[in-house]
Amino acid sequence: MAHRKKLADFSRYEQIALDLALRIIREEYQIGERISGRSTLAGRYKVSPETIRRAVALLEDAGVVETVAGTGIVIKSKQAAEDYFQAFQGEKAMANLQEKLTQLLEERRRLDQEVEQTVQQMVSYLWGMINNLQYLEKIEIPADSWLVGKDLAETKLRTRTGATVVSIERDGEEIYSPSSKMEFKAGDRLSVVGTMQAKDKVRKLVAQKVLEEE
C-alpha cells in the first residue's frame, strides 16, 4: 500500500501553496493580477523567502500562477487552483481513510488474539471435562450402608475420599450438584468424579455398614 501523508505531515511551503490556491478560488486574487513579491509573502506568512519560492513553484507546476520576469508572480488560472485544492482534499481524505484502516486493522489483530486466547481456554476446559468424564463412575448405596439417612455434609465424603459427587440418581431422576444438606437414601446412585484411588475409597466407604474409625 502506497504511503499517504497525514494532514499534519504537510510541510509549511505546501500549506502556504494551499492557502494561496484557496484565496484564488475565493477570488481574493483575480486572473492576471500580480500578487505580492516573495519578500512580502515571506513576511505575511512569517517564513523565509526560500519557503515562499518552493510554495510558488508548486503552484507554477500546477498551472495556477506563473512568474513573469520584471513583473513577479501573476495569477494564471482559477480552474487550476480549484484542481490543485481538490487534489489536496483527495490526499487528505485518503490520509484519513488510511488512518481509519490502520485503526481497524489494529482492532482486528486485537480481536484475533482475543479469539485465539478464548479458543485455547475453551479447548483446555473441554479437555479437562473429557478427562473428568473418563473418571466418572456411578456407585449405588446399598440399604445397609451407614450413609443412608445422612446428608452430604455429615458424611464428609469429599474430605474422606478426595472424590466429588456431581449428581445423584434417585427414582429415575438425576439430581445434579446436590445440596450438602441432601440426605442419602438406599438405592441412590452417586455419580462421582475422581482418581481411581478416590473412587475406590468411595466404594469402600459406601459398603461400610458402620463408619469405621479413621
N, C-alpha and C. Protein backbone atom coordinates (compact mmCIF):
# COMPACT_ATOMS: atom_id res chain seq x y z
N MET A 1 0.85 -1.20 0.00
CA MET A 1 0.00 0.00 0.00
C MET A 1 0.88 1.24 0.00
N ALA A 2 0.62 2.18 -0.92
CA ALA A 2 1.43 3.39 -1.01
C ALA A 2 1.24 4.24 0.24
N HIS A 3 2.33 4.87 0.66
CA HIS A 3 2.27 5.70 1.86
C HIS A 3 1.55 7.01 1.57
N ARG A 4 0.59 7.36 2.41
CA ARG A 4 -0.13 8.63 2.28
C ARG A 4 0.15 9.48 3.50
N LYS A 5 0.43 10.77 3.23
CA LYS A 5 0.75 11.65 4.35
C LYS A 5 -0.49 12.07 5.11
N LYS A 6 -0.35 12.14 6.41
CA LYS A 6 -1.40 12.72 7.22
C LYS A 6 -1.35 14.24 7.07
N LEU A 7 -2.45 14.90 7.42
CA LEU A 7 -2.52 16.35 7.27
C LEU A 7 -1.38 17.04 8.00
N ALA A 8 -1.06 16.55 9.19
CA ALA A 8 0.00 17.19 9.98
C ALA A 8 1.37 17.01 9.34
N ASP A 9 1.49 16.08 8.38
CA ASP A 9 2.78 15.81 7.76
C ASP A 9 3.10 16.79 6.64
N PHE A 10 2.14 17.57 6.17
CA PHE A 10 2.40 18.52 5.08
C PHE A 10 3.34 19.62 5.57
N SER A 11 4.32 19.91 4.74
CA SER A 11 5.31 20.92 5.10
C SER A 11 4.70 22.32 5.06
N ARG A 12 5.45 23.29 5.60
CA ARG A 12 4.95 24.66 5.66
C ARG A 12 4.76 25.23 4.27
N TYR A 13 5.66 24.95 3.33
CA TYR A 13 5.51 25.52 1.99
C TYR A 13 4.31 24.91 1.26
N GLU A 14 3.99 23.63 1.56
CA GLU A 14 2.79 23.02 0.96
C GLU A 14 1.53 23.67 1.52
N GLN A 15 1.54 23.96 2.81
CA GLN A 15 0.38 24.62 3.43
C GLN A 15 0.18 26.02 2.85
N ILE A 16 1.30 26.74 2.60
CA ILE A 16 1.19 28.09 2.03
C ILE A 16 0.64 28.01 0.61
N ALA A 17 1.09 27.03 -0.17
CA ALA A 17 0.59 26.86 -1.53
C ALA A 17 -0.91 26.62 -1.51
N LEU A 18 -1.36 25.81 -0.58
CA LEU A 18 -2.80 25.53 -0.46
C LEU A 18 -3.57 26.78 -0.07
N ASP A 19 -3.01 27.58 0.83
CA ASP A 19 -3.68 28.81 1.26
C ASP A 19 -3.82 29.79 0.09
N LEU A 20 -2.75 29.93 -0.71
CA LEU A 20 -2.79 30.82 -1.87
C LEU A 20 -3.81 30.33 -2.89
N ALA A 21 -3.85 29.01 -3.10
CA ALA A 21 -4.82 28.45 -4.05
C ALA A 21 -6.24 28.74 -3.58
N LEU A 22 -6.47 28.60 -2.29
CA LEU A 22 -7.80 28.86 -1.74
C LEU A 22 -8.19 30.34 -1.89
N ARG A 23 -7.23 31.24 -1.74
CA ARG A 23 -7.51 32.67 -1.92
C ARG A 23 -7.88 32.98 -3.37
N ILE A 24 -7.23 32.27 -4.28
CA ILE A 24 -7.55 32.47 -5.71
C ILE A 24 -8.96 31.95 -5.99
N ILE A 25 -9.31 30.81 -5.41
CA ILE A 25 -10.65 30.23 -5.58
C ILE A 25 -11.71 31.19 -5.05
N ARG A 26 -11.40 31.85 -3.94
CA ARG A 26 -12.34 32.80 -3.33
C ARG A 26 -12.33 34.15 -4.04
N GLU A 27 -11.49 34.25 -5.05
CA GLU A 27 -11.35 35.46 -5.87
C GLU A 27 -10.81 36.64 -5.07
N GLU A 28 -10.03 36.34 -4.04
CA GLU A 28 -9.30 37.41 -3.37
C GLU A 28 -8.20 37.92 -4.30
N TYR A 29 -7.77 37.05 -5.21
CA TYR A 29 -6.86 37.41 -6.30
C TYR A 29 -7.58 37.13 -7.61
N GLN A 30 -7.45 38.05 -8.57
CA GLN A 30 -8.09 37.91 -9.87
C GLN A 30 -7.09 37.39 -10.90
N ILE A 31 -7.62 36.77 -11.95
CA ILE A 31 -6.78 36.27 -13.02
C ILE A 31 -6.01 37.45 -13.64
N GLY A 32 -4.71 37.25 -13.82
CA GLY A 32 -3.85 38.28 -14.37
C GLY A 32 -3.30 39.24 -13.34
N GLU A 33 -3.81 39.14 -12.11
CA GLU A 33 -3.34 40.03 -11.05
C GLU A 33 -1.98 39.59 -10.53
N ARG A 34 -1.16 40.57 -10.22
CA ARG A 34 0.15 40.29 -9.63
C ARG A 34 -0.02 40.28 -8.12
N ILE A 35 0.44 39.19 -7.52
CA ILE A 35 0.35 39.11 -6.06
C ILE A 35 1.67 39.60 -5.48
N SER A 36 1.69 39.77 -4.19
CA SER A 36 2.87 40.32 -3.52
C SER A 36 4.13 39.53 -3.87
N GLY A 37 5.27 40.21 -3.82
CA GLY A 37 6.53 39.54 -4.09
C GLY A 37 6.88 38.54 -3.00
N ARG A 38 7.94 37.79 -3.23
CA ARG A 38 8.30 36.74 -2.29
C ARG A 38 8.64 37.30 -0.90
N SER A 39 9.32 38.43 -0.87
CA SER A 39 9.71 39.00 0.42
C SER A 39 8.49 39.40 1.23
N THR A 40 7.49 40.01 0.51
CA THR A 40 6.27 40.43 1.19
C THR A 40 5.49 39.22 1.69
N LEU A 41 5.39 38.20 0.82
CA LEU A 41 4.70 36.97 1.23
C LEU A 41 5.42 36.29 2.39
N ALA A 42 6.76 36.34 2.35
CA ALA A 42 7.54 35.74 3.44
C ALA A 42 7.22 36.41 4.76
N GLY A 43 7.06 37.74 4.72
CA GLY A 43 6.71 38.47 5.93
C GLY A 43 5.30 38.15 6.39
N ARG A 44 4.38 38.01 5.44
CA ARG A 44 2.99 37.74 5.79
C ARG A 44 2.86 36.37 6.46
N TYR A 45 3.54 35.38 5.90
CA TYR A 45 3.43 34.01 6.44
C TYR A 45 4.48 33.70 7.50
N LYS A 46 5.37 34.69 7.74
CA LYS A 46 6.42 34.53 8.75
C LYS A 46 7.30 33.32 8.45
N VAL A 47 7.75 33.26 7.19
CA VAL A 47 8.67 32.19 6.76
C VAL A 47 9.79 32.84 5.94
N SER A 48 10.74 32.04 5.52
CA SER A 48 11.84 32.56 4.71
C SER A 48 11.41 32.70 3.25
N PRO A 49 12.09 33.55 2.48
CA PRO A 49 11.79 33.68 1.03
C PRO A 49 11.95 32.35 0.30
N GLU A 50 12.85 31.50 0.77
CA GLU A 50 13.04 30.19 0.14
C GLU A 50 11.79 29.33 0.29
N THR A 51 11.14 29.42 1.45
CA THR A 51 9.89 28.67 1.65
C THR A 51 8.82 29.17 0.70
N ILE A 52 8.75 30.49 0.49
CA ILE A 52 7.79 31.06 -0.46
C ILE A 52 8.13 30.60 -1.88
N ARG A 53 9.41 30.58 -2.21
CA ARG A 53 9.81 30.14 -3.55
C ARG A 53 9.33 28.72 -3.82
N ARG A 54 9.45 27.86 -2.84
CA ARG A 54 9.05 26.47 -3.01
C ARG A 54 7.53 26.35 -3.12
N ALA A 55 6.81 27.18 -2.37
CA ALA A 55 5.35 27.18 -2.46
C ALA A 55 4.88 27.65 -3.84
N VAL A 56 5.50 28.71 -4.34
CA VAL A 56 5.14 29.25 -5.66
C VAL A 56 5.48 28.24 -6.74
N ALA A 57 6.60 27.51 -6.57
CA ALA A 57 7.00 26.50 -7.55
C ALA A 57 5.94 25.42 -7.67
N LEU A 58 5.32 25.05 -6.56
CA LEU A 58 4.25 24.05 -6.60
C LEU A 58 3.07 24.56 -7.43
N LEU A 59 2.70 25.83 -7.19
CA LEU A 59 1.58 26.41 -7.92
C LEU A 59 1.90 26.59 -9.39
N GLU A 60 3.14 26.91 -9.70
CA GLU A 60 3.56 27.03 -11.10
C GLU A 60 3.45 25.69 -11.81
N ASP A 61 3.93 24.64 -11.15
CA ASP A 61 3.86 23.31 -11.74
C ASP A 61 2.42 22.89 -12.00
N ALA A 62 1.50 23.36 -11.16
CA ALA A 62 0.08 23.02 -11.31
C ALA A 62 -0.63 23.96 -12.27
N GLY A 63 0.07 24.98 -12.78
CA GLY A 63 -0.54 25.92 -13.72
C GLY A 63 -1.42 26.96 -13.07
N VAL A 64 -1.26 27.16 -11.77
CA VAL A 64 -2.09 28.12 -11.03
C VAL A 64 -1.55 29.54 -11.20
N VAL A 65 -0.23 29.69 -11.13
CA VAL A 65 0.42 31.00 -11.27
C VAL A 65 1.60 30.85 -12.23
N GLU A 66 2.16 31.97 -12.62
CA GLU A 66 3.41 31.97 -13.38
C GLU A 66 4.27 33.14 -12.92
N THR A 67 5.54 32.94 -12.99
CA THR A 67 6.47 34.00 -12.62
C THR A 67 6.93 34.70 -13.90
N VAL A 68 6.58 35.98 -13.99
CA VAL A 68 6.90 36.78 -15.18
C VAL A 68 8.06 37.70 -14.85
N ALA A 69 9.11 37.61 -15.67
CA ALA A 69 10.29 38.45 -15.44
C ALA A 69 9.92 39.92 -15.45
N GLY A 70 10.37 40.64 -14.45
CA GLY A 70 10.10 42.06 -14.35
C GLY A 70 8.74 42.38 -13.79
N THR A 71 7.89 41.38 -13.65
CA THR A 71 6.54 41.60 -13.12
C THR A 71 6.35 40.91 -11.77
N GLY A 72 6.75 39.65 -11.72
CA GLY A 72 6.62 38.90 -10.47
C GLY A 72 5.65 37.74 -10.62
N ILE A 73 4.97 37.43 -9.56
CA ILE A 73 4.05 36.28 -9.53
C ILE A 73 2.68 36.74 -10.01
N VAL A 74 2.19 36.11 -11.08
CA VAL A 74 0.92 36.52 -11.69
C VAL A 74 -0.06 35.35 -11.64
N ILE A 75 -1.32 35.66 -11.29
CA ILE A 75 -2.36 34.64 -11.25
C ILE A 75 -2.69 34.22 -12.67
N LYS A 76 -2.69 32.89 -12.90
CA LYS A 76 -2.88 32.37 -14.24
C LYS A 76 -4.23 31.69 -14.43
N SER A 77 -4.68 30.88 -13.47
CA SER A 77 -5.91 30.10 -13.68
C SER A 77 -6.62 29.79 -12.37
N LYS A 78 -7.89 30.18 -12.30
CA LYS A 78 -8.71 29.83 -11.14
C LYS A 78 -9.05 28.34 -11.17
N GLN A 79 -9.31 27.80 -12.37
CA GLN A 79 -9.64 26.39 -12.50
C GLN A 79 -8.49 25.51 -12.04
N ALA A 80 -7.27 25.93 -12.40
CA ALA A 80 -6.10 25.17 -11.96
C ALA A 80 -5.97 25.20 -10.43
N ALA A 81 -6.34 26.36 -9.83
CA ALA A 81 -6.30 26.47 -8.37
C ALA A 81 -7.33 25.53 -7.75
N GLU A 82 -8.51 25.45 -8.37
CA GLU A 82 -9.54 24.53 -7.87
C GLU A 82 -9.08 23.08 -7.99
N ASP A 83 -8.47 22.74 -9.13
CA ASP A 83 -7.97 21.38 -9.32
C ASP A 83 -6.90 21.04 -8.29
N TYR A 84 -6.01 22.01 -8.04
CA TYR A 84 -4.93 21.80 -7.08
C TYR A 84 -5.51 21.56 -5.68
N PHE A 85 -6.51 22.38 -5.32
CA PHE A 85 -7.10 22.25 -4.00
C PHE A 85 -7.87 20.94 -3.86
N GLN A 86 -8.57 20.55 -4.94
CA GLN A 86 -9.31 19.29 -4.91
C GLN A 86 -8.36 18.10 -4.77
N ALA A 87 -7.22 18.20 -5.44
CA ALA A 87 -6.23 17.13 -5.32
C ALA A 87 -5.76 17.00 -3.87
N PHE A 88 -5.59 18.15 -3.21
CA PHE A 88 -5.21 18.13 -1.81
C PHE A 88 -6.31 17.52 -0.95
N GLN A 89 -7.56 17.89 -1.25
CA GLN A 89 -8.68 17.32 -0.50
C GLN A 89 -8.72 15.81 -0.65
N GLY A 90 -8.42 15.33 -1.86
CA GLY A 90 -8.37 13.89 -2.08
C GLY A 90 -7.26 13.25 -1.28
N GLU A 91 -6.11 13.92 -1.23
CA GLU A 91 -4.98 13.42 -0.45
C GLU A 91 -5.34 13.38 1.03
N LYS A 92 -6.02 14.43 1.48
CA LYS A 92 -6.43 14.50 2.88
C LYS A 92 -7.43 13.39 3.21
N ALA A 93 -8.41 13.18 2.30
CA ALA A 93 -9.41 12.13 2.51
C ALA A 93 -8.74 10.76 2.54
N MET A 94 -7.78 10.55 1.62
CA MET A 94 -7.08 9.28 1.58
C MET A 94 -6.28 9.05 2.87
N ALA A 95 -5.67 10.12 3.37
CA ALA A 95 -4.91 10.01 4.61
C ALA A 95 -5.82 9.63 5.77
N ASN A 96 -7.02 10.26 5.81
CA ASN A 96 -7.97 9.94 6.87
C ASN A 96 -8.44 8.49 6.78
N LEU A 97 -8.68 8.04 5.53
CA LEU A 97 -9.12 6.66 5.33
C LEU A 97 -8.02 5.67 5.73
N GLN A 98 -6.79 6.02 5.38
CA GLN A 98 -5.68 5.14 5.74
C GLN A 98 -5.54 5.04 7.26
N GLU A 99 -5.70 6.19 7.92
CA GLU A 99 -5.60 6.20 9.38
C GLU A 99 -6.70 5.34 10.00
N LYS A 100 -7.92 5.45 9.43
CA LYS A 100 -9.03 4.64 9.92
C LYS A 100 -8.77 3.16 9.67
N LEU A 101 -8.24 2.84 8.47
CA LEU A 101 -7.93 1.45 8.14
C LEU A 101 -6.89 0.88 9.09
N THR A 102 -5.88 1.69 9.42
CA THR A 102 -4.84 1.26 10.34
C THR A 102 -5.44 0.93 11.71
N GLN A 103 -6.36 1.79 12.16
CA GLN A 103 -7.01 1.56 13.45
C GLN A 103 -7.84 0.28 13.41
N LEU A 104 -8.56 0.06 12.29
CA LEU A 104 -9.39 -1.14 12.17
C LEU A 104 -8.54 -2.41 12.14
N LEU A 105 -7.40 -2.33 11.43
CA LEU A 105 -6.51 -3.49 11.37
C LEU A 105 -5.94 -3.81 12.75
N GLU A 106 -5.59 -2.76 13.50
CA GLU A 106 -5.08 -2.98 14.85
C GLU A 106 -6.16 -3.58 15.74
N GLU A 107 -7.40 -3.11 15.56
CA GLU A 107 -8.51 -3.65 16.34
C GLU A 107 -8.76 -5.11 15.96
N ARG A 108 -8.64 -5.41 14.65
CA ARG A 108 -8.84 -6.79 14.21
C ARG A 108 -7.77 -7.71 14.78
N ARG A 109 -6.52 -7.23 14.79
CA ARG A 109 -5.45 -8.04 15.37
C ARG A 109 -5.70 -8.30 16.85
N ARG A 110 -6.20 -7.25 17.54
CA ARG A 110 -6.50 -7.42 18.96
C ARG A 110 -7.61 -8.45 19.15
N LEU A 111 -8.66 -8.35 18.30
CA LEU A 111 -9.78 -9.29 18.40
C LEU A 111 -9.34 -10.70 18.04
N ASP A 112 -8.47 -10.83 17.02
CA ASP A 112 -7.95 -12.15 16.63
C ASP A 112 -7.21 -12.79 17.80
N GLN A 113 -6.39 -11.98 18.49
CA GLN A 113 -5.66 -12.50 19.64
C GLN A 113 -6.62 -12.92 20.75
N GLU A 114 -7.65 -12.11 20.96
CA GLU A 114 -8.63 -12.42 22.00
C GLU A 114 -9.40 -13.69 21.66
N VAL A 115 -9.76 -13.83 20.37
CA VAL A 115 -10.47 -15.04 19.93
C VAL A 115 -9.58 -16.26 20.13
N GLU A 116 -8.30 -16.14 19.75
CA GLU A 116 -7.38 -17.26 19.89
C GLU A 116 -7.22 -17.67 21.35
N GLN A 117 -7.10 -16.68 22.23
CA GLN A 117 -6.97 -16.98 23.65
C GLN A 117 -8.23 -17.66 24.18
N THR A 118 -9.41 -17.17 23.73
CA THR A 118 -10.67 -17.76 24.18
C THR A 118 -10.81 -19.20 23.70
N VAL A 119 -10.42 -19.44 22.44
CA VAL A 119 -10.47 -20.80 21.90
C VAL A 119 -9.56 -21.73 22.69
N GLN A 120 -8.36 -21.24 23.01
CA GLN A 120 -7.42 -22.05 23.80
C GLN A 120 -8.00 -22.37 25.17
N GLN A 121 -8.66 -21.38 25.77
CA GLN A 121 -9.28 -21.61 27.07
C GLN A 121 -10.40 -22.64 26.97
N MET A 122 -11.19 -22.54 25.88
CA MET A 122 -12.29 -23.50 25.67
C MET A 122 -11.74 -24.91 25.49
N VAL A 123 -10.68 -25.02 24.67
CA VAL A 123 -10.07 -26.34 24.43
C VAL A 123 -9.55 -26.92 25.74
N SER A 124 -8.88 -26.06 26.53
CA SER A 124 -8.35 -26.51 27.81
C SER A 124 -9.48 -26.96 28.74
N TYR A 125 -10.56 -26.18 28.76
CA TYR A 125 -11.70 -26.52 29.62
C TYR A 125 -12.37 -27.82 29.17
N LEU A 126 -12.58 -27.95 27.84
CA LEU A 126 -13.21 -29.15 27.31
C LEU A 126 -12.33 -30.38 27.54
N TRP A 127 -11.02 -30.19 27.39
CA TRP A 127 -10.10 -31.29 27.63
C TRP A 127 -10.19 -31.75 29.09
N GLY A 128 -10.31 -30.77 29.98
CA GLY A 128 -10.47 -31.11 31.39
C GLY A 128 -11.77 -31.86 31.65
N MET A 129 -12.84 -31.42 30.95
CA MET A 129 -14.14 -32.10 31.10
C MET A 129 -14.06 -33.54 30.60
N ILE A 130 -13.37 -33.69 29.46
CA ILE A 130 -13.23 -35.04 28.89
C ILE A 130 -12.47 -35.94 29.85
N ASN A 131 -11.39 -35.39 30.42
CA ASN A 131 -10.62 -36.16 31.38
C ASN A 131 -11.46 -36.54 32.59
N ASN A 132 -12.29 -35.58 33.02
CA ASN A 132 -13.15 -35.86 34.17
C ASN A 132 -14.16 -36.94 33.84
N LEU A 133 -14.72 -36.86 32.62
CA LEU A 133 -15.70 -37.87 32.23
C LEU A 133 -15.10 -39.27 32.20
N GLN A 134 -13.83 -39.34 31.89
CA GLN A 134 -13.15 -40.64 31.86
C GLN A 134 -13.09 -41.25 33.25
N TYR A 135 -13.17 -40.38 34.28
CA TYR A 135 -13.09 -40.85 35.65
C TYR A 135 -14.46 -40.81 36.35
N LEU A 136 -15.53 -40.65 35.58
CA LEU A 136 -16.87 -40.62 36.15
C LEU A 136 -17.36 -42.04 36.38
N GLU A 137 -17.91 -42.26 37.55
CA GLU A 137 -18.40 -43.61 37.87
C GLU A 137 -19.63 -43.50 38.74
N LYS A 138 -20.56 -44.41 38.53
CA LYS A 138 -21.77 -44.45 39.35
C LYS A 138 -21.62 -45.55 40.40
N ILE A 139 -21.90 -45.17 41.63
CA ILE A 139 -21.78 -46.10 42.75
C ILE A 139 -23.10 -46.10 43.53
N GLU A 140 -23.71 -47.29 43.66
CA GLU A 140 -25.02 -47.38 44.32
C GLU A 140 -24.87 -47.59 45.82
N ILE A 141 -25.76 -46.91 46.57
CA ILE A 141 -25.75 -47.04 48.04
C ILE A 141 -26.66 -48.20 48.44
N PRO A 142 -26.09 -49.22 49.06
CA PRO A 142 -26.94 -50.36 49.50
C PRO A 142 -27.80 -49.96 50.70
N ALA A 143 -28.83 -50.76 50.96
CA ALA A 143 -29.79 -50.44 52.02
C ALA A 143 -29.15 -50.44 53.40
N ASP A 144 -28.09 -51.25 53.58
CA ASP A 144 -27.47 -51.34 54.91
C ASP A 144 -26.25 -50.44 55.07
N SER A 145 -26.05 -49.49 54.10
CA SER A 145 -24.90 -48.58 54.19
C SER A 145 -25.10 -47.57 55.30
N TRP A 146 -24.03 -47.24 55.97
CA TRP A 146 -24.10 -46.25 57.04
C TRP A 146 -24.46 -44.86 56.52
N LEU A 147 -24.33 -44.63 55.16
CA LEU A 147 -24.64 -43.32 54.58
C LEU A 147 -26.13 -43.02 54.58
N VAL A 148 -26.97 -44.09 54.58
CA VAL A 148 -28.42 -43.90 54.47
C VAL A 148 -28.91 -43.04 55.63
N GLY A 149 -29.64 -41.98 55.28
CA GLY A 149 -30.20 -41.08 56.29
C GLY A 149 -29.29 -39.93 56.66
N LYS A 150 -28.06 -39.96 56.14
CA LYS A 150 -27.11 -38.88 56.42
C LYS A 150 -26.96 -38.00 55.18
N ASP A 151 -26.67 -36.72 55.43
CA ASP A 151 -26.52 -35.82 54.28
C ASP A 151 -25.05 -35.74 53.86
N LEU A 152 -24.84 -35.07 52.75
CA LEU A 152 -23.51 -35.00 52.15
C LEU A 152 -22.50 -34.33 53.09
N ALA A 153 -22.97 -33.31 53.82
CA ALA A 153 -22.08 -32.60 54.74
C ALA A 153 -21.66 -33.50 55.89
N GLU A 154 -22.61 -34.29 56.41
CA GLU A 154 -22.32 -35.17 57.55
C GLU A 154 -21.29 -36.24 57.18
N THR A 155 -21.42 -36.77 56.00
CA THR A 155 -20.55 -37.89 55.61
C THR A 155 -19.12 -37.44 55.32
N LYS A 156 -18.95 -36.14 55.01
CA LYS A 156 -17.62 -35.62 54.66
C LYS A 156 -16.97 -36.48 53.58
N LEU A 157 -17.80 -36.85 52.62
CA LEU A 157 -17.36 -37.79 51.59
C LEU A 157 -16.15 -37.28 50.82
N ARG A 158 -16.19 -36.01 50.46
CA ARG A 158 -15.07 -35.46 49.68
C ARG A 158 -13.78 -35.43 50.51
N THR A 159 -13.92 -35.04 51.77
CA THR A 159 -12.74 -34.97 52.63
C THR A 159 -12.14 -36.36 52.84
N ARG A 160 -13.02 -37.37 53.01
CA ARG A 160 -12.55 -38.72 53.30
C ARG A 160 -11.98 -39.43 52.08
N THR A 161 -12.49 -39.08 50.88
CA THR A 161 -12.10 -39.85 49.69
C THR A 161 -11.34 -39.05 48.65
N GLY A 162 -11.59 -37.74 48.60
CA GLY A 162 -10.98 -36.92 47.55
C GLY A 162 -11.81 -36.91 46.28
N ALA A 163 -12.94 -37.62 46.28
CA ALA A 163 -13.83 -37.65 45.12
C ALA A 163 -14.95 -36.63 45.30
N THR A 164 -15.59 -36.27 44.18
CA THR A 164 -16.67 -35.30 44.20
C THR A 164 -17.95 -35.94 43.68
N VAL A 165 -19.06 -35.74 44.40
CA VAL A 165 -20.37 -36.21 43.94
C VAL A 165 -20.96 -35.13 43.04
N VAL A 166 -21.08 -35.44 41.76
CA VAL A 166 -21.59 -34.44 40.82
C VAL A 166 -23.10 -34.57 40.60
N SER A 167 -23.64 -35.77 40.87
CA SER A 167 -25.09 -35.94 40.76
C SER A 167 -25.51 -37.17 41.54
N ILE A 168 -26.83 -37.23 41.82
CA ILE A 168 -27.42 -38.40 42.48
C ILE A 168 -28.62 -38.84 41.66
N GLU A 169 -28.63 -40.09 41.27
CA GLU A 169 -29.77 -40.64 40.53
C GLU A 169 -30.70 -41.31 41.53
N ARG A 170 -31.96 -40.84 41.58
CA ARG A 170 -32.93 -41.35 42.56
C ARG A 170 -34.29 -41.48 41.89
N ASP A 171 -34.84 -42.66 41.94
CA ASP A 171 -36.17 -42.92 41.35
C ASP A 171 -36.24 -42.47 39.90
N GLY A 172 -35.18 -42.71 39.16
CA GLY A 172 -35.17 -42.37 37.74
C GLY A 172 -34.89 -40.91 37.44
N GLU A 173 -34.67 -40.12 38.48
CA GLU A 173 -34.38 -38.69 38.29
C GLU A 173 -32.92 -38.41 38.63
N GLU A 174 -32.28 -37.59 37.78
CA GLU A 174 -30.88 -37.21 38.00
C GLU A 174 -30.84 -35.85 38.69
N ILE A 175 -30.28 -35.82 39.88
CA ILE A 175 -30.19 -34.58 40.65
C ILE A 175 -28.74 -34.09 40.57
N TYR A 176 -28.52 -33.02 39.82
CA TYR A 176 -27.17 -32.52 39.61
C TYR A 176 -26.78 -31.53 40.72
N SER A 177 -25.49 -31.50 41.03
CA SER A 177 -24.94 -30.61 42.08
C SER A 177 -25.81 -30.66 43.33
N PRO A 178 -25.95 -31.83 43.94
CA PRO A 178 -26.83 -31.96 45.11
C PRO A 178 -26.39 -31.06 46.25
N SER A 179 -27.38 -30.62 47.02
CA SER A 179 -27.11 -29.77 48.17
C SER A 179 -26.37 -30.57 49.24
N SER A 180 -25.55 -29.85 50.01
CA SER A 180 -24.80 -30.51 51.09
C SER A 180 -25.75 -31.03 52.18
N LYS A 181 -27.00 -30.56 52.19
CA LYS A 181 -27.98 -30.98 53.19
C LYS A 181 -28.89 -32.09 52.68
N MET A 182 -28.66 -32.54 51.46
CA MET A 182 -29.49 -33.60 50.88
C MET A 182 -29.12 -34.95 51.50
N GLU A 183 -30.11 -35.65 52.08
CA GLU A 183 -29.85 -36.93 52.74
C GLU A 183 -29.80 -38.07 51.72
N PHE A 184 -28.89 -38.98 51.95
CA PHE A 184 -28.77 -40.15 51.08
C PHE A 184 -29.87 -41.15 51.42
N LYS A 185 -30.34 -41.86 50.36
CA LYS A 185 -31.32 -42.93 50.54
C LYS A 185 -30.78 -44.21 49.94
N ALA A 186 -31.31 -45.31 50.43
CA ALA A 186 -30.91 -46.60 49.88
C ALA A 186 -31.29 -46.65 48.40
N GLY A 187 -30.39 -47.14 47.61
CA GLY A 187 -30.65 -47.23 46.17
C GLY A 187 -30.19 -46.03 45.38
N ASP A 188 -29.79 -44.96 46.08
CA ASP A 188 -29.24 -43.79 45.37
C ASP A 188 -27.99 -44.21 44.59
N ARG A 189 -27.88 -43.70 43.37
CA ARG A 189 -26.67 -43.97 42.58
C ARG A 189 -25.88 -42.68 42.48
N LEU A 190 -24.71 -42.69 43.10
CA LEU A 190 -23.87 -41.49 43.14
C LEU A 190 -22.97 -41.45 41.91
N SER A 191 -22.99 -40.33 41.18
CA SER A 191 -22.04 -40.11 40.10
C SER A 191 -20.86 -39.36 40.70
N VAL A 192 -19.73 -40.05 40.80
CA VAL A 192 -18.57 -39.45 41.45
C VAL A 192 -17.44 -39.27 40.44
N VAL A 193 -16.68 -38.21 40.64
CA VAL A 193 -15.53 -37.91 39.80
C VAL A 193 -14.29 -37.88 40.67
N GLY A 194 -13.24 -38.52 40.18
CA GLY A 194 -12.00 -38.52 40.93
C GLY A 194 -11.02 -39.52 40.37
N THR A 195 -9.93 -39.67 41.01
CA THR A 195 -8.93 -40.63 40.57
C THR A 195 -9.41 -42.05 40.88
N MET A 196 -8.69 -43.01 40.35
CA MET A 196 -9.05 -44.41 40.61
C MET A 196 -9.01 -44.69 42.11
N GLN A 197 -7.99 -44.14 42.77
CA GLN A 197 -7.86 -44.35 44.21
C GLN A 197 -9.03 -43.72 44.97
N ALA A 198 -9.44 -42.52 44.51
CA ALA A 198 -10.54 -41.82 45.18
C ALA A 198 -11.85 -42.59 45.03
N LYS A 199 -12.09 -43.10 43.82
CA LYS A 199 -13.32 -43.86 43.60
C LYS A 199 -13.31 -45.16 44.41
N ASP A 200 -12.16 -45.77 44.54
CA ASP A 200 -12.05 -46.99 45.33
C ASP A 200 -12.40 -46.72 46.79
N LYS A 201 -11.97 -45.55 47.27
CA LYS A 201 -12.29 -45.17 48.65
C LYS A 201 -13.79 -44.96 48.81
N VAL A 202 -14.44 -44.36 47.77
CA VAL A 202 -15.89 -44.15 47.84
C VAL A 202 -16.61 -45.49 47.92
N ARG A 203 -16.21 -46.45 47.08
CA ARG A 203 -16.85 -47.76 47.08
C ARG A 203 -16.72 -48.43 48.46
N LYS A 204 -15.55 -48.35 49.04
CA LYS A 204 -15.34 -48.96 50.37
C LYS A 204 -16.16 -48.24 51.44
N LEU A 205 -16.21 -46.88 51.31
CA LEU A 205 -16.95 -46.09 52.30
C LEU A 205 -18.44 -46.39 52.22
N VAL A 206 -18.96 -46.49 50.99
CA VAL A 206 -20.38 -46.77 50.78
C VAL A 206 -20.73 -48.18 51.29
N ALA A 207 -19.80 -49.11 51.14
CA ALA A 207 -20.08 -50.50 51.51
C ALA A 207 -20.10 -50.73 53.01
N GLN A 208 -19.55 -49.80 53.77
CA GLN A 208 -19.49 -49.97 55.22
C GLN A 208 -20.90 -49.85 55.84
N LYS A 209 -21.20 -50.78 56.75
CA LYS A 209 -22.48 -50.72 57.45
C LYS A 209 -22.40 -49.76 58.63
N VAL A 210 -21.23 -49.70 59.20
CA VAL A 210 -20.96 -48.75 60.29
C VAL A 210 -19.65 -48.04 59.93
N LEU A 211 -19.63 -46.73 60.11
CA LEU A 211 -18.42 -45.97 59.76
C LEU A 211 -17.25 -46.42 60.61
N GLU A 212 -16.23 -46.88 59.94
CA GLU A 212 -15.05 -47.31 60.66
C GLU A 212 -14.22 -46.08 61.05
N GLU A 213 -13.62 -46.14 62.19
CA GLU A 213 -12.79 -45.04 62.66
C GLU A 213 -11.56 -44.93 61.77
N GLU A 214 -11.23 -43.69 61.42
CA GLU A 214 -10.06 -43.46 60.55
C GLU A 214 -8.80 -43.38 61.38
